[in-house]
Amino acid sequence: MRKNYDLVVVGGGPSGITLAKRLGKKMTMAIVRPEENSMIYCAMPYVIENLIEEQKCFKSDSLVTDSGAELLHDEAVKVDFDKKMLVLKSKDILTYNKLVIATGAKPLIPGIPGVHLNGVMGFKTQQDLETIMAYVNNGLEKVVIVGAGAIGIELAQALKNKGLDVSLVDMASHVLPNIVGNEFARKAEEELIRNNIDLLLNTRVEKLIGKNSVDEVHLDTGEVIYLSDYAPCIGHQNTTIKGLVVFATGVVPELGFIANTPLKTGKQGIIVNEYMETNLKDIYAVGDCAQFNSYITGEVTGGKLATNAVPMARILADNLLGKKTIYKGFINGAATKVYNYFIGGTGLSVNEALSANFEVVKGYSQLTTQFPNMPGKKDLRMKLIADKKTLKIIGGQVLSGEPVTSLIDLISFAIQKQATVSDFIEISYASQPYQSFYPAGNIFVAAAEQIMEQMQ
């Protein structure tokens, strides 16, 4: 079958859905998605933990089809940019006026010996989720998770909750290295250790040993984690393993069908400008498969978050409708939960700022989430990071016993608006016994005032 569209989007994740909602009724449009379902990936650990059902991780296909776009459950295998022609796995051919590549990213599995063995996997897709659940439901006892970022930590908690023996390995000096610094990471580490998760930092996995499935995980410290000490487990597709090794070490752009084409790519994905245009006319890229810059430094940086993919798609939709709107770059606000603590960060960490040649000044504040005399109060801690030369806010981190995303969002907004430490001191805020500290104190003001004290 050959069919023509004004716009074809390859990828049905957050970017593809956003484009469908904004453009589906304004042009003939197709979304090509190979996966059975569009997943809410960050909710997958909570399915394993039985907090939510798997089906509640699926985005409804109606988000696309009700928009007026056509949803094609198929896979792009080849593209001819000159002929504006996309070949699908089904042998169908789509011709287009404009093409958007929104293929997302796939787990990064390092090229170390033994990664081909049964029981070694990433954690990103519906199949990954169902594979782990099958093993857990059939008696899996031991898992080694490589990568102590948000996904690795959330998966470790979920599997520990299911009664497994869990080791968490990371070559960084502290957990959540892309979200917070040492100070707040230490609290997260204490929680993991308190809950009997074996935490191995400053440690690299060198090789995996086994005949058919992984039996041993060899670390650069000389330590060996023996999975063979555990009982065999039969799980997904009748595969027998003695333990599971899950790599949660990040993702790389999914660029399979554009290999060996004139489309320019970098280490982080397809190179785009502020309009989401590639080097080829009428070809665009958005989301995790695209490479873009830090809002703060202007340099290429990682930003593979759904919260970046959606605004990139919004910008592209505007431009396809004739509005000249630009994307200004990644700020990378993110958050997670580690047992009793909610943790988040945004902008540059101190180390990132120093690497970008900023002279840094930082301020700390510690209050409570409610009036200190209220029975439900929780600790609330903040770190603000500013450029010492301009006193502009360039980063921030929050640790609390209650959710922190709204605080992280406000710091991100301050970065977007190039707010200064003085702006935070002058912030107008609300106060109420169940919802804040006393009127005499505010978490942002306190951190900003500490910075100003250092400057005097």
Protein backbone atom coordinates (compact mmCIF):
# COMPACT_ATOMS: atom_id res chain seq x y z
CA MET A 1 0.00 0.00 0.00
CA ARG A 2 1.19 3.53 -0.80
CA LYS A 3 -0.37 6.50 0.97
CA ASN A 4 0.46 10.20 1.04
CA TYR A 5 0.33 12.55 4.03
CA ASP A 6 1.09 16.18 4.72
CA LEU A 7 2.98 15.11 7.85
CA VAL A 8 4.39 11.77 8.99
CA VAL A 9 5.72 11.38 12.54
CA VAL A 10 7.90 8.36 13.28
CA GLY A 11 7.39 7.67 16.99
CA GLY A 12 4.32 7.60 19.21
CA GLY A 13 5.72 8.78 22.54
CA PRO A 14 5.20 12.17 24.24
CA SER A 15 6.44 14.14 21.22
CA GLY A 16 4.30 12.25 18.72
CA ILE A 17 1.17 12.54 20.86
CA THR A 18 1.75 16.28 21.39
CA LEU A 19 2.13 16.82 17.64
CA ALA A 20 -1.04 14.81 16.96
CA LYS A 21 -3.06 16.88 19.43
CA ARG A 22 -1.91 20.15 17.89
CA LEU A 23 -1.85 19.26 14.20
CA GLY A 24 -4.11 16.24 13.65
CA LYS A 25 -7.13 18.28 12.61
CA LYS A 26 -5.12 20.80 10.58
CA MET A 27 -3.36 18.51 8.10
CA THR A 28 -3.37 14.90 6.94
CA MET A 29 -1.12 13.22 9.44
CA ALA A 30 0.13 9.75 10.40
CA ILE A 31 1.87 8.57 13.56
CA VAL A 32 4.03 5.47 13.00
CA ARG A 33 4.51 3.52 16.24
CA PRO A 34 6.07 0.04 16.40
CA GLU A 35 5.21 -0.57 20.06
CA GLU A 36 1.91 -2.14 21.00
CA ASN A 37 1.32 0.61 23.54
CA SER A 38 2.69 4.05 24.25
CA MET A 39 4.10 3.70 27.75
CA ILE A 40 4.42 6.04 30.71
CA TYR A 41 7.94 4.80 31.35
CA CYS A 42 8.57 6.53 34.66
CA ALA A 43 5.61 4.65 36.20
CA MET A 44 6.99 1.19 35.37
CA PRO A 45 8.73 0.56 38.74
CA TYR A 46 5.42 1.15 40.50
CA VAL A 47 3.79 -1.58 38.41
CA ILE A 48 6.42 -4.03 39.69
CA GLU A 49 5.69 -2.85 43.22
CA ASN A 50 1.93 -3.48 42.66
CA LEU A 51 1.09 0.15 43.39
CA ILE A 52 -0.60 0.49 39.99
CA GLU A 53 -1.77 -1.92 37.29
CA GLU A 54 0.27 -2.33 34.12
CA GLN A 55 -2.62 -1.05 32.00
CA LYS A 56 -2.41 2.28 33.83
CA CYS A 57 1.03 2.76 32.26
CA PHE A 58 -0.51 2.74 28.78
CA LYS A 59 -1.47 5.99 27.10
CA SER A 60 -4.74 5.60 25.25
CA ASP A 61 -4.49 5.37 21.46
CA SER A 62 -7.43 7.76 21.39
CA LEU A 63 -5.00 10.56 22.28
CA VAL A 64 -3.82 10.19 18.68
CA THR A 65 -6.90 8.97 16.87
CA ASP A 66 -9.32 11.48 18.43
CA SER A 67 -7.02 14.26 17.30
CA GLY A 68 -7.66 13.43 13.66
CA ALA A 69 -4.27 11.80 13.06
CA GLU A 70 -3.98 8.24 11.81
CA LEU A 71 -2.14 5.76 14.04
CA LEU A 72 -0.14 3.10 12.19
CA HIS A 73 1.14 0.17 14.28
CA ASP A 74 4.22 -0.40 12.16
CA GLU A 75 7.96 0.22 12.07
CA ALA A 76 9.97 2.53 9.82
CA VAL A 77 12.83 0.58 8.25
CA LYS A 78 14.06 2.84 5.45
CA VAL A 79 13.72 6.43 4.29
CA ASP A 80 14.45 8.13 0.98
CA PHE A 81 14.71 11.82 1.76
CA ASP A 82 14.98 12.85 -1.90
CA LYS A 83 11.78 11.05 -2.88
CA LYS A 84 10.11 11.91 0.44
CA MET A 85 9.28 8.25 0.94
CA LEU A 86 9.19 6.13 4.09
CA VAL A 87 9.24 2.33 3.89
CA LEU A 88 7.60 0.38 6.71
CA LYS A 89 8.27 -3.13 7.98
CA SER A 90 4.90 -4.20 6.58
CA LYS A 91 6.19 -3.16 3.10
CA ASP A 92 3.74 -0.27 3.05
CA ILE A 93 5.14 2.97 1.67
CA LEU A 94 4.28 6.41 3.00
CA THR A 95 5.02 9.57 1.06
CA TYR A 96 5.03 12.85 2.89
CA ASN A 97 5.42 16.58 2.55
CA LYS A 98 7.16 16.87 5.94
CA LEU A 99 8.68 14.19 8.17
CA VAL A 100 9.25 14.31 11.94
CA ILE A 101 11.59 11.84 13.60
CA ALA A 102 10.55 11.24 17.21
CA THR A 103 11.87 7.72 17.78
CA GLY A 104 13.02 8.31 21.35
CA ALA A 105 15.88 6.45 22.98
CA LYS A 106 16.88 2.94 24.01
CA PRO A 107 18.76 1.66 27.07
CA LEU A 108 22.52 2.03 27.05
CA ILE A 109 24.05 -1.43 27.54
CA PRO A 110 27.83 -1.11 27.88
CA GLY A 111 30.06 -3.20 25.65
CA ILE A 112 31.55 -5.34 28.40
CA PRO A 113 32.05 -9.12 28.25
CA GLY A 114 28.94 -11.17 29.07
CA VAL A 115 26.17 -8.70 28.26
CA HIS A 116 24.81 -11.22 25.72
CA LEU A 117 23.93 -13.72 28.47
CA ASN A 118 20.38 -14.52 29.52
CA GLY A 119 19.37 -12.49 32.54
CA VAL A 120 21.02 -9.28 31.31
CA MET A 121 18.73 -6.47 30.20
CA GLY A 122 17.84 -2.78 30.23
CA PHE A 123 14.69 -1.21 31.65
CA LYS A 124 12.85 1.05 29.24
CA THR A 125 10.09 -0.77 27.36
CA GLN A 126 6.86 -2.65 27.98
CA GLN A 127 8.71 -5.86 27.14
CA ASP A 128 11.37 -5.06 29.76
CA LEU A 129 8.65 -4.49 32.35
CA GLU A 130 6.87 -7.74 31.54
CA THR A 131 10.14 -9.69 31.50
CA ILE A 132 11.04 -8.53 35.01
CA MET A 133 7.51 -9.15 36.28
CA ALA A 134 7.57 -12.69 34.88
CA TYR A 135 10.82 -13.47 36.69
CA VAL A 136 9.59 -11.92 39.94
CA ASN A 137 6.35 -13.89 39.77
CA ASN A 138 8.29 -17.12 39.23
CA GLY A 139 10.62 -16.89 42.19
CA LEU A 140 13.45 -14.55 41.21
CA GLU A 141 15.56 -13.93 44.31
CA LYS A 142 18.51 -11.76 43.28
CA VAL A 143 18.97 -8.67 41.09
CA VAL A 144 21.97 -6.46 40.41
CA ILE A 145 21.00 -3.01 39.16
CA VAL A 146 23.76 -1.05 37.45
CA GLY A 147 23.11 2.68 37.65
CA ALA A 148 21.98 4.64 40.72
CA GLY A 149 20.08 7.36 38.91
CA ALA A 150 16.36 7.90 39.37
CA ILE A 151 15.22 4.84 37.38
CA GLY A 152 17.79 2.54 38.99
CA ILE A 153 16.85 3.66 42.49
CA GLU A 154 13.11 3.43 41.84
CA LEU A 155 13.52 -0.07 40.38
CA ALA A 156 15.71 -1.11 43.34
CA GLN A 157 13.01 -0.01 45.80
CA ALA A 158 10.28 -1.82 43.85
CA LEU A 159 12.20 -5.10 43.70
CA LYS A 160 13.24 -4.86 47.35
CA ASN A 161 9.57 -4.39 48.22
CA LYS A 162 8.90 -7.69 46.40
CA GLY A 163 11.35 -9.44 48.71
CA LEU A 164 14.39 -9.70 46.42
CA ASP A 165 18.03 -9.38 47.39
CA VAL A 166 19.07 -6.16 45.60
CA SER A 167 22.53 -4.78 44.83
CA LEU A 168 22.80 -1.28 43.37
CA VAL A 169 26.08 -0.44 41.62
CA ASP A 170 27.29 2.91 40.29
CA MET A 171 30.70 4.22 39.28
CA ALA A 172 29.83 7.70 40.60
CA SER A 173 30.79 8.79 44.11
CA HIS A 174 27.14 9.28 45.12
CA VAL A 175 23.65 8.32 44.01
CA LEU A 176 21.51 10.52 41.73
CA PRO A 177 24.61 12.22 40.26
CA ASN A 178 22.57 13.95 37.53
CA ILE A 179 20.00 15.36 39.97
CA VAL A 180 21.66 16.39 43.25
CA GLY A 181 25.04 16.88 44.88
CA ASN A 182 26.72 15.01 47.71
CA GLU A 183 24.77 16.69 50.51
CA PHE A 184 21.29 15.58 49.49
CA ALA A 185 22.49 12.32 47.94
CA ARG A 186 23.80 11.25 51.33
CA LYS A 187 20.28 11.20 52.76
CA ALA A 188 19.12 9.03 49.87
CA GLU A 189 22.03 6.65 50.40
CA GLU A 190 21.19 6.33 54.09
CA GLU A 191 17.61 5.41 53.19
CA LEU A 192 18.73 2.76 50.70
CA ILE A 193 21.15 1.19 53.17
CA ARG A 194 18.60 1.36 55.99
CA ASN A 195 16.25 -0.67 53.80
CA ASN A 196 18.90 -3.33 53.17
CA ILE A 197 19.78 -2.47 49.59
CA ASP A 198 23.44 -3.35 48.99
CA LEU A 199 24.86 -0.05 47.72
CA LEU A 200 28.19 -0.14 45.87
CA LEU A 201 29.47 3.29 44.80
CA ASN A 202 32.74 4.24 43.07
CA THR A 203 32.38 0.81 41.50
CA ARG A 204 32.31 -0.31 37.88
CA VAL A 205 31.04 -3.60 36.45
CA GLU A 206 33.91 -5.05 34.44
CA LYS A 207 32.43 -8.30 33.11
CA LEU A 208 29.65 -10.82 33.48
CA ILE A 209 30.42 -14.52 33.68
CA GLY A 210 28.19 -17.47 32.85
CA LYS A 211 27.53 -20.23 30.35
CA ASN A 212 24.01 -19.49 29.13
CA SER A 213 22.78 -17.12 31.82
CA VAL A 214 24.75 -14.74 34.01
CA ASP A 215 26.24 -16.40 37.12
CA GLU A 216 28.78 -13.83 38.32
CA VAL A 217 29.10 -10.04 38.23
CA HIS A 218 32.75 -8.99 38.41
CA LEU A 219 33.50 -5.49 39.74
CA ASP A 220 36.61 -3.36 39.28
CA THR A 221 37.16 -3.47 43.05
CA GLY A 222 37.89 -7.19 42.75
CA GLU A 223 34.58 -8.10 44.37
CA VAL A 224 32.35 -10.68 42.72
CA ILE A 225 28.57 -10.84 43.13
CA TYR A 226 27.62 -14.54 42.81
CA LEU A 227 24.18 -14.98 41.30
CA SER A 228 24.78 -18.75 41.14
CA ASP A 229 24.15 -18.91 44.89
CA TYR A 230 20.45 -18.37 44.19
CA ALA A 231 17.82 -20.84 43.01
CA PRO A 232 17.05 -21.08 39.27
CA CYS A 233 14.07 -19.09 38.07
CA ILE A 234 12.05 -19.67 34.90
CA GLY A 235 10.48 -16.52 33.54
CA HIS A 236 9.81 -14.77 30.26
CA GLN A 237 9.79 -17.13 27.22
CA ASN A 238 10.81 -20.04 29.49
CA THR A 239 14.26 -18.56 30.04
CA THR A 240 16.04 -19.97 33.10
CA ILE A 241 18.27 -17.65 35.12
CA LYS A 242 19.78 -17.62 38.61
CA GLY A 243 19.68 -13.86 38.96
CA LEU A 244 19.05 -10.74 36.96
CA VAL A 245 21.39 -7.90 35.93
CA VAL A 246 19.57 -4.72 34.87
CA PHE A 247 21.45 -1.83 33.30
CA ALA A 248 19.91 1.52 34.19
CA THR A 249 22.95 3.49 33.09
CA GLY A 250 21.16 5.88 30.76
CA VAL A 251 19.84 5.85 27.22
CA VAL A 252 21.09 6.51 23.68
CA PRO A 253 19.06 7.90 20.77
CA GLU A 254 17.12 5.37 18.69
CA LEU A 255 18.34 6.13 15.17
CA GLY A 256 18.16 2.74 13.43
CA PHE A 257 16.26 3.58 10.26
CA ILE A 258 18.25 6.74 9.45
CA ALA A 259 21.65 5.02 9.54
CA ASN A 260 23.82 5.77 6.50
CA THR A 261 21.71 8.73 5.43
CA PRO A 262 22.75 12.38 4.97
CA LEU A 263 20.95 13.38 8.17
CA LYS A 264 23.50 14.93 10.54
CA THR A 265 23.80 13.44 14.02
CA GLY A 266 25.93 13.99 17.09
CA LYS A 267 26.64 11.96 20.24
CA GLN A 268 23.27 12.93 21.72
CA GLY A 269 21.17 12.38 18.59
CA ILE A 270 19.94 14.15 15.47
CA ILE A 271 21.26 17.70 15.28
CA VAL A 272 18.47 20.29 15.22
CA ASN A 273 18.28 24.06 15.44
CA GLU A 274 15.99 26.14 17.64
CA TYR A 275 13.10 25.50 15.24
CA MET A 276 13.60 21.71 15.47
CA GLU A 277 14.84 21.69 11.86
CA THR A 278 17.54 19.23 10.78
CA ASN A 279 20.11 19.82 8.04
CA LEU A 280 17.61 18.45 5.48
CA LYS A 281 14.67 20.43 4.14
CA ASP A 282 11.27 19.38 5.53
CA ILE A 283 12.86 16.94 8.00
CA TYR A 284 12.52 17.62 11.74
CA ALA A 285 13.44 15.83 14.96
CA VAL A 286 12.15 16.18 18.53
CA GLY A 287 12.43 14.36 21.84
CA ASP A 288 15.02 11.88 23.03
CA CYS A 289 16.36 11.18 19.53
CA ALA A 290 17.33 14.84 19.05
CA GLN A 291 20.46 16.64 20.20
CA PHE A 292 20.15 20.11 21.68
CA ASN A 293 21.77 22.56 24.06
CA SER A 294 21.66 23.64 27.66
CA TYR A 295 19.52 26.73 28.23
CA ILE A 296 22.17 27.98 30.66
CA THR A 297 25.48 27.32 28.88
CA GLY A 298 24.38 27.06 25.24
CA GLU A 299 26.49 23.92 24.91
CA VAL A 300 25.28 20.49 23.80
CA THR A 301 23.98 18.55 26.81
CA GLY A 302 21.91 15.52 27.68
CA GLY A 303 18.21 16.13 28.12
CA LYS A 304 16.38 12.89 27.51
CA LEU A 305 13.27 13.64 29.54
CA ALA A 306 9.60 13.60 28.58
CA THR A 307 9.42 17.09 30.08
CA ASN A 308 11.81 18.23 27.35
CA ALA A 309 10.20 16.20 24.56
CA VAL A 310 6.76 17.79 25.01
CA PRO A 311 7.86 21.45 24.73
CA MET A 312 10.11 20.58 21.77
CA ALA A 313 7.03 19.15 20.02
CA ARG A 314 4.96 22.22 20.92
CA ILE A 315 7.61 24.48 19.39
CA LEU A 316 7.71 22.37 16.23
CA ALA A 317 3.90 22.39 15.94
CA ASP A 318 3.91 26.18 16.12
CA ASN A 319 6.52 26.41 13.39
CA LEU A 320 4.72 23.95 11.13
CA LEU A 321 1.68 26.21 11.46
CA GLY A 322 3.71 29.24 10.38
CA LYS A 323 4.51 30.73 13.78
CA LYS A 324 8.19 31.45 14.31
CA THR A 325 8.75 30.09 17.81
CA ILE A 326 12.15 29.02 19.13
CA TYR A 327 13.20 26.39 21.64
CA LYS A 328 15.66 27.88 24.13
CA GLY A 329 17.21 24.74 25.55
CA PHE A 330 17.24 22.19 28.34
CA ILE A 331 17.04 23.13 32.00
CA ASN A 332 16.48 19.51 33.01
CA GLY A 333 14.36 19.71 36.13
CA ALA A 334 13.89 16.22 37.55
CA ALA A 335 12.77 14.52 40.75
CA THR A 336 12.45 11.12 42.39
CA LYS A 337 11.42 9.48 45.64
CA VAL A 338 13.75 7.45 47.85
CA TYR A 339 11.65 5.80 50.54
CA ASN A 340 10.70 8.66 52.90
CA TYR A 341 12.45 11.39 50.95
CA PHE A 342 11.42 13.34 47.87
CA ILE A 343 14.46 14.68 46.00
CA GLY A 344 14.79 16.96 42.98
CA GLY A 345 17.19 19.16 41.12
CA THR A 346 17.28 21.50 38.15
CA GLY A 347 19.74 23.54 36.13
CA LEU A 348 23.45 23.04 36.74
CA SER A 349 24.99 21.23 39.66
CA VAL A 350 28.02 22.83 41.29
CA ASN A 351 30.39 20.53 39.40
CA GLU A 352 28.63 21.18 36.09
CA ALA A 353 28.77 24.92 36.69
CA LEU A 354 32.48 24.80 37.50
CA SER A 355 33.11 22.72 34.37
CA ALA A 356 31.27 25.40 32.37
CA ASN A 357 33.65 28.05 33.81
CA PHE A 358 31.16 29.65 36.17
CA GLU A 359 32.39 30.99 39.47
CA VAL A 360 29.81 29.58 41.83
CA VAL A 361 28.19 30.75 45.03
CA LYS A 362 25.65 28.55 46.79
CA GLY A 363 23.18 29.02 49.61
CA TYR A 364 21.46 26.50 51.85
CA SER A 365 18.22 26.72 53.77
CA GLN A 366 16.40 24.31 56.05
CA LEU A 367 12.83 24.83 57.29
CA THR A 368 9.78 22.59 57.69
CA THR A 369 6.91 21.87 55.32
CA GLN A 370 4.37 23.09 57.89
CA PHE A 371 4.51 25.35 60.92
CA PRO A 372 7.06 23.74 63.28
CA ASN A 373 4.35 23.40 65.94
CA MET A 374 2.11 21.33 63.62
CA PRO A 375 2.04 17.53 64.07
CA GLY A 376 2.61 16.61 60.41
CA LYS A 377 5.67 18.76 59.72
CA LYS A 378 8.50 17.32 57.61
CA ASP A 379 12.01 18.56 56.96
CA LEU A 380 12.53 20.77 53.91
CA ARG A 381 16.01 21.59 52.63
CA MET A 382 17.11 23.63 49.63
CA LYS A 383 20.34 24.50 47.87
CA LEU A 384 20.43 27.41 45.42
CA ILE A 385 23.35 27.78 43.01
CA ALA A 386 24.18 31.17 41.48
CA ASP A 387 26.73 32.64 39.14
CA LYS A 388 28.93 34.73 41.44
CA LYS A 389 29.58 37.32 38.72
CA THR A 390 25.93 38.12 37.89
CA LEU A 391 24.14 36.50 40.86
CA LYS A 392 21.77 34.84 38.37
CA ILE A 393 20.28 31.55 39.56
CA ILE A 394 21.77 28.69 37.54
CA GLY A 395 20.70 25.66 39.57
CA GLY A 396 18.93 24.35 42.63
CA GLN A 397 18.15 21.20 44.58
CA VAL A 398 15.48 20.27 47.12
CA LEU A 399 15.13 17.46 49.67
CA SER A 400 11.93 17.00 51.66
CA GLY A 401 9.55 14.61 53.34
CA GLU A 402 6.86 15.91 50.97
CA PRO A 403 6.78 16.27 47.14
CA VAL A 404 9.25 18.78 45.71
CA THR A 405 8.35 19.16 42.02
CA SER A 406 6.54 22.48 42.49
CA LEU A 407 9.64 23.93 44.18
CA ILE A 408 11.89 22.56 41.43
CA ASP A 409 9.58 24.09 38.82
CA LEU A 410 9.86 27.50 40.45
CA ILE A 411 13.66 27.32 40.40
CA SER A 412 13.50 26.27 36.73
CA PHE A 413 11.25 29.24 36.01
CA ALA A 414 13.70 31.53 37.77
CA ILE A 415 16.48 30.18 35.54
CA GLN A 416 14.32 30.71 32.43
CA LYS A 417 13.63 34.30 33.42
CA GLN A 418 17.27 34.88 34.39
CA ALA A 419 16.21 35.79 37.92
CA THR A 420 18.85 36.81 40.42
CA VAL A 421 19.43 36.06 44.07
CA SER A 422 17.94 39.48 44.86
CA ASP A 423 14.77 38.52 42.99
CA PHE A 424 14.37 35.51 45.27
CA ILE A 425 14.90 37.63 48.36
CA GLU A 426 12.05 39.85 47.17
CA ILE A 427 9.70 36.98 46.34
CA SER A 428 6.13 37.38 47.59
CA TYR A 429 4.98 34.19 49.29
CA ALA A 430 2.02 32.65 51.09
CA SER A 431 1.90 31.02 54.50
CA GLN A 432 -0.54 28.66 56.24
CA PRO A 433 0.03 26.24 59.15
CA TYR A 434 -0.67 23.07 57.16
CA GLN A 435 1.20 24.18 54.03
CA SER A 436 4.28 26.21 54.87
CA PHE A 437 6.76 27.39 57.44
CA TYR A 438 5.92 30.40 59.63
CA PRO A 439 5.29 33.71 57.82
CA ALA A 440 8.65 34.85 59.13
CA GLY A 441 10.51 32.41 56.90
CA ASN A 442 10.50 31.12 53.32
CA ILE A 443 12.75 28.40 51.92
CA PHE A 444 13.77 30.44 48.81
CA VAL A 445 14.33 33.67 50.71
CA ALA A 446 16.45 31.92 53.35
CA ALA A 447 18.74 30.31 50.77
CA ALA A 448 19.04 33.55 48.80
CA GLU A 449 19.84 35.54 51.93
CA GLN A 450 22.65 33.15 52.78
CA ILE A 451 24.16 33.76 49.35
CA MET A 452 23.96 37.53 49.84
CA GLU A 453 25.62 37.22 53.24
CA GLN A 454 28.57 35.51 51.56
CA MET A 455 28.82 38.31 49.00
CA GLN A 456 29.07 41.12 51.56
